[in-house]
Amino acid sequence: MSTVTTAATSEPTLAAGPSRPRLDWRLRFGALSLIWGFSFLFIKVGTEGYAPFQVTLGRLAFGTAVLAVAMAVKRQRLPRGARTWGHLAVAAFLLNALPFSLFAYSELTIPSTLAGICNATSPLWGMALSLVALSEDRPTRVRFAGLGLGFLGVLTVLGAWEGFHGLDVTGTAMALLASLSYPVGWIYVRRTLAGTGDSHLAMTGAQLLLATVQLAVVTPLFTSFPAHFALVPLLAIAALGALGTGLAVLLQYGLVAEVGPTTAQMVTYFIPVIAAAAGVAVLGESLRWSTPAGAVIILAGAALTQVRQRPRQRPEGARG
């Protein structure tokens, strides 16, 4: 459940301090998969006690607080420059405020399992958009095949051959639109915020802060103040923000720095599996055979869209 500008900015990674033993990257990879996989369960529980905009506002507030602490510990400062903050405001809307709100609204009417699987379509949308918006992404037969296979998986999940019977169209459309919003935001960031010189932590902290402000403005216009504070949903929102939006960002950037973006982004393929398992085991949600089958097809297609064509090796002794 990507929330940040992963590998989208070209500034250097945070400088390493004194050498300290770190938790093995595989354990951190597994922790990140679990956190983002359970995020859809937390959203569902949160909406049982609070309005979707309130869930999103709480999520962003808790996530921003975690990054603020991390920035204080690392003595990082927020970015400077009105232009940078303007671009970050757009990124905050596309990568945080909009998709988080759409997922929260979608789970009013669809199970968390379906929302988690819809989230797995982000690489497919990203592939389709990058072919148009990013000249460096060259189309290949394998990637086109992956795109087609992935959207075949979407139709399988939705039960297209049954006329989408029993499917809440509005909720599902919101979840798919949320998944589309992520790659739109990534492309925007790559075009506008690359090479700013600010650290990933500072940029993401500012981005989440702006998203929190956006929701703080919107939420009172569409919701009323809660008459009482339901404890379990509030705890779910706190976990969603502190873990799924705050800690997850720190884990993700640590993985990218250590094992590279290609390995780190493999977490995307574990999220729907964990989301489905959590929804069934904890919330008692049901699964039709087409849901896991379609999810496998989506993930296979998404994996193919990430295959890059290897540059041809020149004969030994050749000069450019």
C-alpha atoms as a PDB file:
ATOM      1  CA  MET A   1       0.000   0.000   0.000  1.00  0.00           C
ATOM      2  CA  SER A   2       2.376   2.505  -1.190  1.00  0.00           C
ATOM      3  CA  THR A   3       2.132   5.909   0.401  1.00  0.00           C
ATOM      4  CA  VAL A   4       5.231   7.749  -0.623  1.00  0.00           C
ATOM      5  CA  THR A   5       7.388   8.742  -3.530  1.00  0.00           C
ATOM      6  CA  THR A   6       9.290   5.488  -3.754  1.00  0.00           C
ATOM      7  CA  ALA A   7      12.466   5.873  -5.785  1.00  0.00           C
ATOM      8  CA  ALA A   8      10.851   8.831  -7.474  1.00  0.00           C
ATOM      9  CA  THR A   9      13.269  11.481  -6.316  1.00  0.00           C
ATOM     10  CA  SER A  10      16.903  11.395  -7.132  1.00  0.00           C
ATOM     11  CA  GLU A  11      18.297  12.968  -3.965  1.00  0.00           C
ATOM     12  CA  PRO A  12      20.894  10.916  -2.073  1.00  0.00           C
ATOM     13  CA  THR A  13      19.835   8.558   0.659  1.00  0.00           C
ATOM     14  CA  LEU A  14      20.251   9.587   4.268  1.00  0.00           C
ATOM     15  CA  ALA A  15      23.825   9.563   5.434  1.00  0.00           C
ATOM     16  CA  ALA A  16      24.664   6.582   7.539  1.00  0.00           C
ATOM     17  CA  GLY A  17      25.756   7.158  11.106  1.00  0.00           C
ATOM     18  CA  PRO A  18      28.010   4.969  13.210  1.00  0.00           C
ATOM     19  CA  SER A  19      27.826   1.302  12.250  1.00  0.00           C
ATOM     20  CA  ARG A  20      25.135  -0.463  14.247  1.00  0.00           C
ATOM     21  CA  PRO A  21      23.707  -3.970  13.961  1.00  0.00           C
ATOM     22  CA  ARG A  22      20.483  -3.875  11.962  1.00  0.00           C
ATOM     23  CA  LEU A  23      17.631  -6.292  11.776  1.00  0.00           C
ATOM     24  CA  ASP A  24      18.047  -8.597   8.781  1.00  0.00           C
ATOM     25  CA  TRP A  25      16.390  -7.083   5.712  1.00  0.00           C
ATOM     26  CA  ARG A  26      14.268 -10.216   5.173  1.00  0.00           C
ATOM     27  CA  LEU A  27      12.650  -9.728   8.567  1.00  0.00           C
ATOM     28  CA  ARG A  28      12.000  -6.081   7.793  1.00  0.00           C
ATOM     29  CA  PHE A  29      10.604  -7.072   4.400  1.00  0.00           C
ATOM     30  CA  GLY A  30       8.223  -9.505   6.106  1.00  0.00           C
ATOM     31  CA  ALA A  31       7.222  -6.889   8.673  1.00  0.00           C
ATOM     32  CA  LEU A  32       6.453  -4.374   5.914  1.00  0.00           C
ATOM     33  CA  SER A  33       4.359  -6.946   4.037  1.00  0.00           C
ATOM     34  CA  LEU A  34       2.350  -7.698   7.177  1.00  0.00           C
ATOM     35  CA  ILE A  35       1.858  -4.043   8.065  1.00  0.00           C
ATOM     36  CA  TRP A  36       0.607  -3.046   4.632  1.00  0.00           C
ATOM     37  CA  GLY A  37      -1.408  -6.254   4.264  1.00  0.00           C
ATOM     38  CA  PHE A  38      -3.228  -5.610   7.550  1.00  0.00           C
ATOM     39  CA  SER A  39      -3.843  -1.960   6.639  1.00  0.00           C
ATOM     40  CA  PHE A  40      -7.036  -2.885   4.796  1.00  0.00           C
ATOM     41  CA  LEU A  41      -8.331  -4.673   7.887  1.00  0.00           C
ATOM     42  CA  PHE A  42      -7.531  -1.578   9.982  1.00  0.00           C
ATOM     43  CA  ILE A  43      -9.431   0.598   7.510  1.00  0.00           C
ATOM     44  CA  LYS A  44     -12.480  -1.658   7.702  1.00  0.00           C
ATOM     45  CA  VAL A  45     -12.460  -1.649  11.523  1.00  0.00           C
ATOM     46  CA  GLY A  46     -11.893   2.103  11.618  1.00  0.00           C
ATOM     47  CA  THR A  47     -14.909   2.822   9.417  1.00  0.00           C
ATOM     48  CA  GLU A  48     -17.101   0.856  11.820  1.00  0.00           C
ATOM     49  CA  GLY A  49     -16.766   3.687  14.339  1.00  0.00           C
ATOM     50  CA  TYR A  50     -15.811   6.754  12.331  1.00  0.00           C
ATOM     51  CA  ALA A  51     -16.565   8.421   9.003  1.00  0.00           C
ATOM     52  CA  PRO A  52     -14.134   7.659   6.160  1.00  0.00           C
ATOM     53  CA  PHE A  53     -12.681  11.170   6.142  1.00  0.00           C
ATOM     54  CA  GLN A  54     -12.121  10.908   9.902  1.00  0.00           C
ATOM     55  CA  VAL A  55     -10.329   7.584   9.419  1.00  0.00           C
ATOM     56  CA  THR A  56      -8.072   9.159   6.810  1.00  0.00           C
ATOM     57  CA  LEU A  57      -7.392  12.262   8.905  1.00  0.00           C
ATOM     58  CA  GLY A  58      -6.471  10.152  11.925  1.00  0.00           C
ATOM     59  CA  ARG A  59      -4.293   7.909   9.790  1.00  0.00           C
ATOM     60  CA  LEU A  60      -2.376  10.858   8.363  1.00  0.00           C
ATOM     61  CA  ALA A  61      -2.025  12.568  11.740  1.00  0.00           C
ATOM     62  CA  PHE A  62      -0.539   9.474  13.394  1.00  0.00           C
ATOM     63  CA  GLY A  63       1.709   8.798  10.398  1.00  0.00           C
ATOM     64  CA  THR A  64       2.967  12.383  10.333  1.00  0.00           C
ATOM     65  CA  ALA A  65       3.725  12.200  14.062  1.00  0.00           C
ATOM     66  CA  VAL A  66       5.923   9.127  13.539  1.00  0.00           C
ATOM     67  CA  LEU A  67       7.879  10.823  10.756  1.00  0.00           C
ATOM     68  CA  ALA A  68       8.201  14.002  12.822  1.00  0.00           C
ATOM     69  CA  VAL A  69       9.861  11.986  15.582  1.00  0.00           C
ATOM     70  CA  ALA A  70      12.153  10.293  13.045  1.00  0.00           C
ATOM     71  CA  MET A  71      13.109  13.674  11.581  1.00  0.00           C
ATOM     72  CA  ALA A  72      13.875  15.034  15.049  1.00  0.00           C
ATOM     73  CA  VAL A  73      16.059  12.029  15.886  1.00  0.00           C
ATOM     74  CA  LYS A  74      17.974  12.339  12.596  1.00  0.00           C
ATOM     75  CA  ARG A  75      17.997  16.157  12.821  1.00  0.00           C
ATOM     76  CA  GLN A  76      16.332  16.524   9.456  1.00  0.00           C
ATOM     77  CA  ARG A  77      14.697  19.809   8.406  1.00  0.00           C
ATOM     78  CA  LEU A  78      11.657  20.288   6.228  1.00  0.00           C
ATOM     79  CA  PRO A  79      12.303  21.294   2.604  1.00  0.00           C
ATOM     80  CA  ARG A  80      12.472  24.962   1.677  1.00  0.00           C
ATOM     81  CA  GLY A  81      11.113  26.862  -1.296  1.00  0.00           C
ATOM     82  CA  ALA A  82       7.551  27.739  -2.271  1.00  0.00           C
ATOM     83  CA  ARG A  83       7.801  25.819  -5.537  1.00  0.00           C
ATOM     84  CA  THR A  84       8.870  22.623  -3.778  1.00  0.00           C
ATOM     85  CA  TRP A  85       6.023  22.933  -1.291  1.00  0.00           C
ATOM     86  CA  GLY A  86       3.570  23.559  -4.117  1.00  0.00           C
ATOM     87  CA  HIS A  87       4.606  20.347  -5.880  1.00  0.00           C
ATOM     88  CA  LEU A  88       4.544  18.485  -2.572  1.00  0.00           C
ATOM     89  CA  ALA A  89       0.964  19.638  -2.011  1.00  0.00           C
ATOM     90  CA  VAL A  90      -0.073  18.029  -5.300  1.00  0.00           C
ATOM     91  CA  ALA A  91       1.898  14.875  -4.425  1.00  0.00           C
ATOM     92  CA  ALA A  92       0.232  14.781  -0.997  1.00  0.00           C
ATOM     93  CA  PHE A  93      -3.185  14.855  -2.643  1.00  0.00           C
ATOM     94  CA  LEU A  94      -2.428  12.206  -5.272  1.00  0.00           C
ATOM     95  CA  LEU A  95      -0.381   9.836  -3.095  1.00  0.00           C
ATOM     96  CA  ASN A  96      -2.056  10.229   0.286  1.00  0.00           C
ATOM     97  CA  ALA A  97      -5.204  12.308   0.743  1.00  0.00           C
ATOM     98  CA  LEU A  98      -7.078  11.020  -2.319  1.00  0.00           C
ATOM     99  CA  PRO A  99      -6.235   7.278  -2.315  1.00  0.00           C
ATOM    100  CA  PHE A 100      -6.486   6.938   1.467  1.00  0.00           C
ATOM    101  CA  SER A 101      -9.932   8.558   1.424  1.00  0.00           C
ATOM    102  CA  LEU A 102     -11.107   6.472  -1.529  1.00  0.00           C
ATOM    103  CA  PHE A 103     -10.047   3.228   0.128  1.00  0.00           C
ATOM    104  CA  ALA A 104     -11.824   4.251   3.333  1.00  0.00           C
ATOM    105  CA  TYR A 105     -15.042   5.042   1.463  1.00  0.00           C
ATOM    106  CA  SER A 106     -14.784   1.892  -0.650  1.00  0.00           C
ATOM    107  CA  GLU A 107     -14.630  -0.338   2.424  1.00  0.00           C
ATOM    108  CA  LEU A 108     -18.020   0.912   3.553  1.00  0.00           C
ATOM    109  CA  THR A 109     -19.500  -1.348   0.883  1.00  0.00           C
ATOM    110  CA  ILE A 110     -16.837  -3.855  -0.197  1.00  0.00           C
ATOM    111  CA  PRO A 111     -14.822  -6.337   1.907  1.00  0.00           C
ATOM    112  CA  SER A 112     -11.251  -5.536   2.897  1.00  0.00           C
ATOM    113  CA  THR A 113     -10.113  -8.570   0.878  1.00  0.00           C
ATOM    114  CA  LEU A 114     -11.374  -6.998  -2.361  1.00  0.00           C
ATOM    115  CA  ALA A 115      -9.858  -3.611  -1.475  1.00  0.00           C
ATOM    116  CA  GLY A 116      -6.478  -5.266  -0.911  1.00  0.00           C
ATOM    117  CA  ILE A 117      -6.642  -7.021  -4.258  1.00  0.00           C
ATOM    118  CA  CYS A 118      -7.643  -3.805  -6.039  1.00  0.00           C
ATOM    119  CA  ASN A 119      -4.545  -2.203  -4.537  1.00  0.00           C
ATOM    120  CA  ALA A 120      -2.430  -4.784  -6.384  1.00  0.00           C
ATOM    121  CA  THR A 121      -3.484  -3.233  -9.707  1.00  0.00           C
ATOM    122  CA  SER A 122      -1.253  -0.177  -9.104  1.00  0.00           C
ATOM    123  CA  PRO A 123       1.699  -1.637 -11.074  1.00  0.00           C
ATOM    124  CA  LEU A 124      -0.663  -2.279 -13.995  1.00  0.00           C
ATOM    125  CA  TRP A 125      -1.947   1.295 -13.996  1.00  0.00           C
ATOM    126  CA  GLY A 126       1.625   2.486 -13.616  1.00  0.00           C
ATOM    127  CA  MET A 127       2.757   0.477 -16.617  1.00  0.00           C
ATOM    128  CA  ALA A 128      -0.086   1.814 -18.776  1.00  0.00           C
ATOM    129  CA  LEU A 129       0.538   5.418 -17.746  1.00  0.00           C
ATOM    130  CA  SER A 130       4.325   5.282 -18.012  1.00  0.00           C
ATOM    131  CA  LEU A 131       4.118   4.206 -21.648  1.00  0.00           C
ATOM    132  CA  VAL A 132       2.431   7.531 -22.344  1.00  0.00           C
ATOM    133  CA  ALA A 133       4.047   9.853 -19.800  1.00  0.00           C
ATOM    134  CA  LEU A 134       7.605   8.556 -19.396  1.00  0.00           C
ATOM    135  CA  SER A 135       9.709   8.331 -22.520  1.00  0.00           C
ATOM    136  CA  GLU A 136      12.360   6.191 -20.805  1.00  0.00           C
ATOM    137  CA  ASP A 137       9.896   3.331 -20.277  1.00  0.00           C
ATOM    138  CA  ARG A 138      10.067   1.364 -23.500  1.00  0.00           C
ATOM    139  CA  PRO A 139       7.172  -0.983 -24.268  1.00  0.00           C
ATOM    140  CA  THR A 140       8.072  -4.627 -24.853  1.00  0.00           C
ATOM    141  CA  ARG A 141       6.002  -7.633 -25.784  1.00  0.00           C
ATOM    142  CA  VAL A 142       6.481  -9.127 -22.328  1.00  0.00           C
ATOM    143  CA  ARG A 143       5.311  -5.974 -20.587  1.00  0.00           C
ATOM    144  CA  PHE A 144       2.318  -5.615 -22.883  1.00  0.00           C
ATOM    145  CA  ALA A 145       1.461  -9.251 -22.195  1.00  0.00           C
ATOM    146  CA  GLY A 146       1.706  -8.578 -18.470  1.00  0.00           C
ATOM    147  CA  LEU A 147      -0.611  -5.594 -18.816  1.00  0.00           C
ATOM    148  CA  GLY A 148      -3.216  -7.644 -20.649  1.00  0.00           C
ATOM    149  CA  LEU A 149      -2.882 -10.555 -18.235  1.00  0.00           C
ATOM    150  CA  GLY A 150      -3.222  -8.264 -15.252  1.00  0.00           C
ATOM    151  CA  PHE A 151      -6.439  -6.682 -16.421  1.00  0.00           C
ATOM    152  CA  LEU A 152      -7.774 -10.142 -17.281  1.00  0.00           C
ATOM    153  CA  GLY A 153      -7.180 -10.903 -13.610  1.00  0.00           C
ATOM    154  CA  VAL A 154      -9.167  -7.796 -12.639  1.00  0.00           C
ATOM    155  CA  LEU A 155     -12.112  -9.010 -14.728  1.00  0.00           C
ATOM    156  CA  THR A 156     -11.794 -12.423 -13.058  1.00  0.00           C
ATOM    157  CA  VAL A 157     -11.911 -10.899  -9.571  1.00  0.00           C
ATOM    158  CA  LEU A 158     -14.942  -8.820 -10.516  1.00  0.00           C
ATOM    159  CA  GLY A 159     -16.775 -11.789 -12.042  1.00  0.00           C
ATOM    160  CA  ALA A 160     -17.234 -10.211 -15.459  1.00  0.00           C
ATOM    161  CA  TRP A 161     -18.657 -13.423 -16.980  1.00  0.00           C
ATOM    162  CA  GLU A 162     -21.494 -13.242 -14.443  1.00  0.00           C
ATOM    163  CA  GLY A 163     -22.332  -9.671 -15.304  1.00  0.00           C
ATOM    164  CA  PHE A 164     -20.592  -8.455 -12.116  1.00  0.00           C
ATOM    165  CA  HIS A 165     -23.391 -10.048 -10.103  1.00  0.00           C
ATOM    166  CA  GLY A 166     -23.323  -9.196  -6.391  1.00  0.00           C
ATOM    167  CA  LEU A 167     -20.553  -6.622  -6.892  1.00  0.00           C
ATOM    168  CA  ASP A 168     -20.818  -3.161  -5.394  1.00  0.00           C
ATOM    169  CA  VAL A 169     -19.783  -1.141  -8.412  1.00  0.00           C
ATOM    170  CA  THR A 170     -19.288   2.162  -6.597  1.00  0.00           C
ATOM    171  CA  GLY A 171     -17.094   0.747  -3.837  1.00  0.00           C
ATOM    172  CA  THR A 172     -15.008  -1.303  -6.262  1.00  0.00           C
ATOM    173  CA  ALA A 173     -14.584   1.661  -8.602  1.00  0.00           C
ATOM    174  CA  MET A 174     -13.355   3.765  -5.671  1.00  0.00           C
ATOM    175  CA  ALA A 175     -10.769   1.136  -4.729  1.00  0.00           C
ATOM    176  CA  LEU A 176      -9.544   0.882  -8.325  1.00  0.00           C
ATOM    177  CA  LEU A 177      -9.410   4.677  -8.635  1.00  0.00           C
ATOM    178  CA  ALA A 178      -7.358   4.807  -5.433  1.00  0.00           C
ATOM    179  CA  SER A 179      -4.919   2.318  -6.968  1.00  0.00           C
ATOM    180  CA  LEU A 180      -4.726   4.451 -10.120  1.00  0.00           C
ATOM    181  CA  SER A 181      -3.981   7.555  -8.076  1.00  0.00           C
ATOM    182  CA  TYR A 182      -0.652   6.147  -6.838  1.00  0.00           C
ATOM    183  CA  PRO A 183       1.119   5.860 -10.220  1.00  0.00           C
ATOM    184  CA  VAL A 184      -0.314   9.221 -11.313  1.00  0.00           C
ATOM    185  CA  GLY A 185       1.317  10.697  -8.227  1.00  0.00           C
ATOM    186  CA  TRP A 186       4.597   8.859  -8.804  1.00  0.00           C
ATOM    187  CA  ILE A 187       4.837  10.169 -12.367  1.00  0.00           C
ATOM    188  CA  TYR A 188       4.064  13.692 -11.187  1.00  0.00           C
ATOM    189  CA  VAL A 189       6.795  13.490  -8.554  1.00  0.00           C
ATOM    190  CA  ARG A 190       9.358  12.146 -11.014  1.00  0.00           C
ATOM    191  CA  ARG A 191       8.630  15.064 -13.312  1.00  0.00           C
ATOM    192  CA  THR A 192       8.613  17.827 -10.692  1.00  0.00           C
ATOM    193  CA  LEU A 193      10.564  16.880  -7.568  1.00  0.00           C
ATOM    194  CA  ALA A 194      13.582  14.947  -8.825  1.00  0.00           C
ATOM    195  CA  GLY A 195      16.911  16.382  -7.779  1.00  0.00           C
ATOM    196  CA  THR A 196      15.687  18.790  -5.101  1.00  0.00           C
ATOM    197  CA  GLY A 197      18.599  17.913  -2.819  1.00  0.00           C
ATOM    198  CA  ASP A 198      16.322  17.182   0.146  1.00  0.00           C
ATOM    199  CA  SER A 199      16.343  13.790   1.852  1.00  0.00           C
ATOM    200  CA  HIS A 200      13.596  11.208   1.355  1.00  0.00           C
ATOM    201  CA  LEU A 201      12.624  11.565   5.004  1.00  0.00           C
ATOM    202  CA  ALA A 202      12.251  15.349   4.808  1.00  0.00           C
ATOM    203  CA  MET A 203      10.266  15.185   1.567  1.00  0.00           C
ATOM    204  CA  THR A 204       7.921  12.496   2.842  1.00  0.00           C
ATOM    205  CA  GLY A 205       7.468  14.212   6.194  1.00  0.00           C
ATOM    206  CA  ALA A 206       6.439  17.405   4.412  1.00  0.00           C
ATOM    207  CA  GLN A 207       4.201  15.449   2.049  1.00  0.00           C
ATOM    208  CA  LEU A 208       2.316  13.741   4.886  1.00  0.00           C
ATOM    209  CA  LEU A 209       2.059  17.024   6.782  1.00  0.00           C
ATOM    210  CA  LEU A 210       0.424  18.672   3.777  1.00  0.00           C
ATOM    211  CA  ALA A 211      -1.941  15.727   3.306  1.00  0.00           C
ATOM    212  CA  THR A 212      -2.931  16.011   6.971  1.00  0.00           C
ATOM    213  CA  VAL A 213      -3.689  19.710   6.497  1.00  0.00           C
ATOM    214  CA  GLN A 214      -5.773  18.923   3.402  1.00  0.00           C
ATOM    215  CA  LEU A 215      -7.886  16.401   5.322  1.00  0.00           C
ATOM    216  CA  ALA A 216      -8.133  18.726   8.327  1.00  0.00           C
ATOM    217  CA  VAL A 217      -9.778  21.282   6.036  1.00  0.00           C
ATOM    218  CA  VAL A 218     -12.074  18.837   4.220  1.00  0.00           C
ATOM    219  CA  THR A 219     -13.205  16.597   7.101  1.00  0.00           C
ATOM    220  CA  PRO A 220     -15.253  19.174   9.077  1.00  0.00           C
ATOM    221  CA  LEU A 221     -17.106  20.133   5.894  1.00  0.00           C
ATOM    222  CA  PHE A 222     -18.444  16.620   5.315  1.00  0.00           C
ATOM    223  CA  THR A 223     -18.576  15.036   8.771  1.00  0.00           C
ATOM    224  CA  SER A 224     -19.805  15.948  12.229  1.00  0.00           C
ATOM    225  CA  PHE A 225     -17.721  15.664  15.375  1.00  0.00           C
ATOM    226  CA  PRO A 226     -18.075  12.140  16.874  1.00  0.00           C
ATOM    227  CA  ALA A 227     -20.600  11.960  19.720  1.00  0.00           C
ATOM    228  CA  HIS A 228     -18.387   9.367  21.389  1.00  0.00           C
ATOM    229  CA  PHE A 229     -15.023   7.795  20.637  1.00  0.00           C
ATOM    230  CA  ALA A 230     -15.264   4.069  19.903  1.00  0.00           C
ATOM    231  CA  LEU A 231     -12.105   2.510  21.326  1.00  0.00           C
ATOM    232  CA  VAL A 232     -11.448  -0.422  18.989  1.00  0.00           C
ATOM    233  CA  PRO A 233     -11.919   1.591  15.769  1.00  0.00           C
ATOM    234  CA  LEU A 234      -9.744   4.353  17.247  1.00  0.00           C
ATOM    235  CA  LEU A 235      -6.990   1.851  18.001  1.00  0.00           C
ATOM    236  CA  ALA A 236      -7.291   0.528  14.439  1.00  0.00           C
ATOM    237  CA  ILE A 237      -6.849   4.061  13.071  1.00  0.00           C
ATOM    238  CA  ALA A 238      -3.839   4.620  15.337  1.00  0.00           C
ATOM    239  CA  ALA A 239      -2.260   1.382  14.097  1.00  0.00           C
ATOM    240  CA  LEU A 240      -3.107   2.281  10.507  1.00  0.00           C
ATOM    241  CA  GLY A 241      -1.334   5.614  10.829  1.00  0.00           C
ATOM    242  CA  ALA A 242       1.574   4.836  13.132  1.00  0.00           C
ATOM    243  CA  LEU A 243       2.388   1.482  11.525  1.00  0.00           C
ATOM    244  CA  GLY A 244       0.908   1.470   8.013  1.00  0.00           C
ATOM    245  CA  THR A 245       1.795   5.066   7.174  1.00  0.00           C
ATOM    246  CA  GLY A 246       4.637   6.032   9.514  1.00  0.00           C
ATOM    247  CA  LEU A 247       6.751   3.015  10.377  1.00  0.00           C
ATOM    248  CA  ALA A 248       6.113   1.442   6.950  1.00  0.00           C
ATOM    249  CA  VAL A 249       7.679   4.452   5.232  1.00  0.00           C
ATOM    250  CA  LEU A 250      10.823   4.133   7.332  1.00  0.00           C
ATOM    251  CA  LEU A 251      11.008   0.383   6.678  1.00  0.00           C
ATOM    252  CA  GLN A 252      10.485   0.878   2.964  1.00  0.00           C
ATOM    253  CA  TYR A 253      13.228   3.455   2.548  1.00  0.00           C
ATOM    254  CA  GLY A 254      15.601   1.325   4.589  1.00  0.00           C
ATOM    255  CA  LEU A 255      14.938  -1.611   2.287  1.00  0.00           C
ATOM    256  CA  VAL A 256      15.373   0.478  -0.865  1.00  0.00           C
ATOM    257  CA  ALA A 257      18.701   1.764   0.431  1.00  0.00           C
ATOM    258  CA  GLU A 258      19.931  -1.725   1.376  1.00  0.00           C
ATOM    259  CA  VAL A 259      18.621  -4.095  -1.288  1.00  0.00           C
ATOM    260  CA  GLY A 260      17.499  -1.729  -4.033  1.00  0.00           C
ATOM    261  CA  PRO A 261      14.060  -0.685  -5.321  1.00  0.00           C
ATOM    262  CA  THR A 262      13.505  -3.803  -7.430  1.00  0.00           C
ATOM    263  CA  THR A 263      13.668  -6.157  -4.459  1.00  0.00           C
ATOM    264  CA  ALA A 264      11.913  -3.731  -2.129  1.00  0.00           C
ATOM    265  CA  GLN A 265       8.928  -3.319  -4.435  1.00  0.00           C
ATOM    266  CA  MET A 266       8.329  -7.067  -4.376  1.00  0.00           C
ATOM    267  CA  VAL A 267       6.374  -6.379  -1.181  1.00  0.00           C
ATOM    268  CA  THR A 268       3.535  -5.360  -3.515  1.00  0.00           C
ATOM    269  CA  TYR A 269       2.928  -9.005  -4.378  1.00  0.00           C
ATOM    270  CA  PHE A 270       2.496 -10.095  -0.766  1.00  0.00           C
ATOM    271  CA  ILE A 271       0.033  -7.367   0.265  1.00  0.00           C
ATOM    272  CA  PRO A 272      -3.140  -8.826  -1.354  1.00  0.00           C
ATOM    273  CA  VAL A 273      -2.358 -12.292  -0.021  1.00  0.00           C
ATOM    274  CA  ILE A 274      -2.017 -10.997   3.533  1.00  0.00           C
ATOM    275  CA  ALA A 275      -5.015  -8.672   3.152  1.00  0.00           C
ATOM    276  CA  ALA A 276      -7.190 -11.572   2.001  1.00  0.00           C
ATOM    277  CA  ALA A 277      -5.974 -13.870   4.774  1.00  0.00           C
ATOM    278  CA  ALA A 278      -6.558 -11.187   7.419  1.00  0.00           C
ATOM    279  CA  GLY A 279     -10.024 -10.390   6.115  1.00  0.00           C
ATOM    280  CA  VAL A 280     -11.096 -14.022   6.142  1.00  0.00           C
ATOM    281  CA  ALA A 281      -9.438 -15.036   9.431  1.00  0.00           C
ATOM    282  CA  VAL A 282     -10.129 -11.937  11.529  1.00  0.00           C
ATOM    283  CA  LEU A 283     -13.215 -10.327  10.003  1.00  0.00           C
ATOM    284  CA  GLY A 284     -14.891 -13.494   8.765  1.00  0.00           C
ATOM    285  CA  GLU A 285     -15.159 -12.231   5.189  1.00  0.00           C
ATOM    286  CA  SER A 286     -15.993 -14.785   2.513  1.00  0.00           C
ATOM    287  CA  LEU A 287     -14.086 -15.457  -0.668  1.00  0.00           C
ATOM    288  CA  ARG A 288     -15.439 -16.703  -3.968  1.00  0.00           C
ATOM    289  CA  TRP A 289     -13.082 -18.881  -5.975  1.00  0.00           C
ATOM    290  CA  SER A 290     -12.721 -16.101  -8.548  1.00  0.00           C
ATOM    291  CA  THR A 291     -11.221 -13.686  -6.011  1.00  0.00           C
ATOM    292  CA  PRO A 292      -7.994 -15.567  -5.181  1.00  0.00           C
ATOM    293  CA  ALA A 293      -7.767 -16.899  -8.747  1.00  0.00           C
ATOM    294  CA  GLY A 294      -8.025 -13.398 -10.151  1.00  0.00           C
ATOM    295  CA  ALA A 295      -5.540 -12.111  -7.596  1.00  0.00           C
ATOM    296  CA  VAL A 296      -2.950 -14.657  -8.776  1.00  0.00           C
ATOM    297  CA  ILE A 297      -3.493 -13.560 -12.382  1.00  0.00           C
ATOM    298  CA  ILE A 298      -3.185  -9.885 -11.412  1.00  0.00           C
ATOM    299  CA  LEU A 299       0.067 -10.493  -9.566  1.00  0.00           C
ATOM    300  CA  ALA A 300       1.485 -12.511 -12.459  1.00  0.00           C
ATOM    301  CA  GLY A 301       0.612  -9.727 -14.857  1.00  0.00           C
ATOM    302  CA  ALA A 302       2.043  -7.081 -12.533  1.00  0.00           C
ATOM    303  CA  ALA A 303       5.282  -9.055 -12.269  1.00  0.00           C
ATOM    304  CA  LEU A 304       5.584  -9.202 -16.062  1.00  0.00           C
ATOM    305  CA  THR A 305       5.077  -5.444 -16.365  1.00  0.00           C
ATOM    306  CA  GLN A 306       8.160  -4.936 -14.202  1.00  0.00           C
ATOM    307  CA  VAL A 307      10.420  -6.987 -16.483  1.00  0.00           C
ATOM    308  CA  ARG A 308      12.979  -4.714 -18.086  1.00  0.00           C
ATOM    309  CA  GLN A 309      14.652  -5.490 -21.388  1.00  0.00           C
ATOM    310  CA  ARG A 310      18.351  -6.063 -20.872  1.00  0.00           C
ATOM    311  CA  PRO A 311      20.581  -3.800 -22.939  1.00  0.00           C
ATOM    312  CA  ARG A 312      22.351  -5.614 -25.722  1.00  0.00           C
ATOM    313  CA  GLN A 313      26.011  -6.210 -25.036  1.00  0.00           C
ATOM    314  CA  ARG A 314      28.350  -4.780 -27.583  1.00  0.00           C
ATOM    315  CA  PRO A 315      31.073  -6.951 -29.058  1.00  0.00           C
ATOM    316  CA  GLU A 316      34.309  -6.836 -27.112  1.00  0.00           C
ATOM    317  CA  GLY A 317      36.420  -3.957 -28.254  1.00  0.00           C
ATOM    318  CA  ALA A 318      33.505  -1.967 -29.667  1.00  0.00           C
ATOM    319  CA  ARG A 319      33.438   1.773 -28.944  1.00  0.00           C
ATOM    320  CA  GLY A 320      30.467   4.055 -28.559  1.00  0.00           C
END
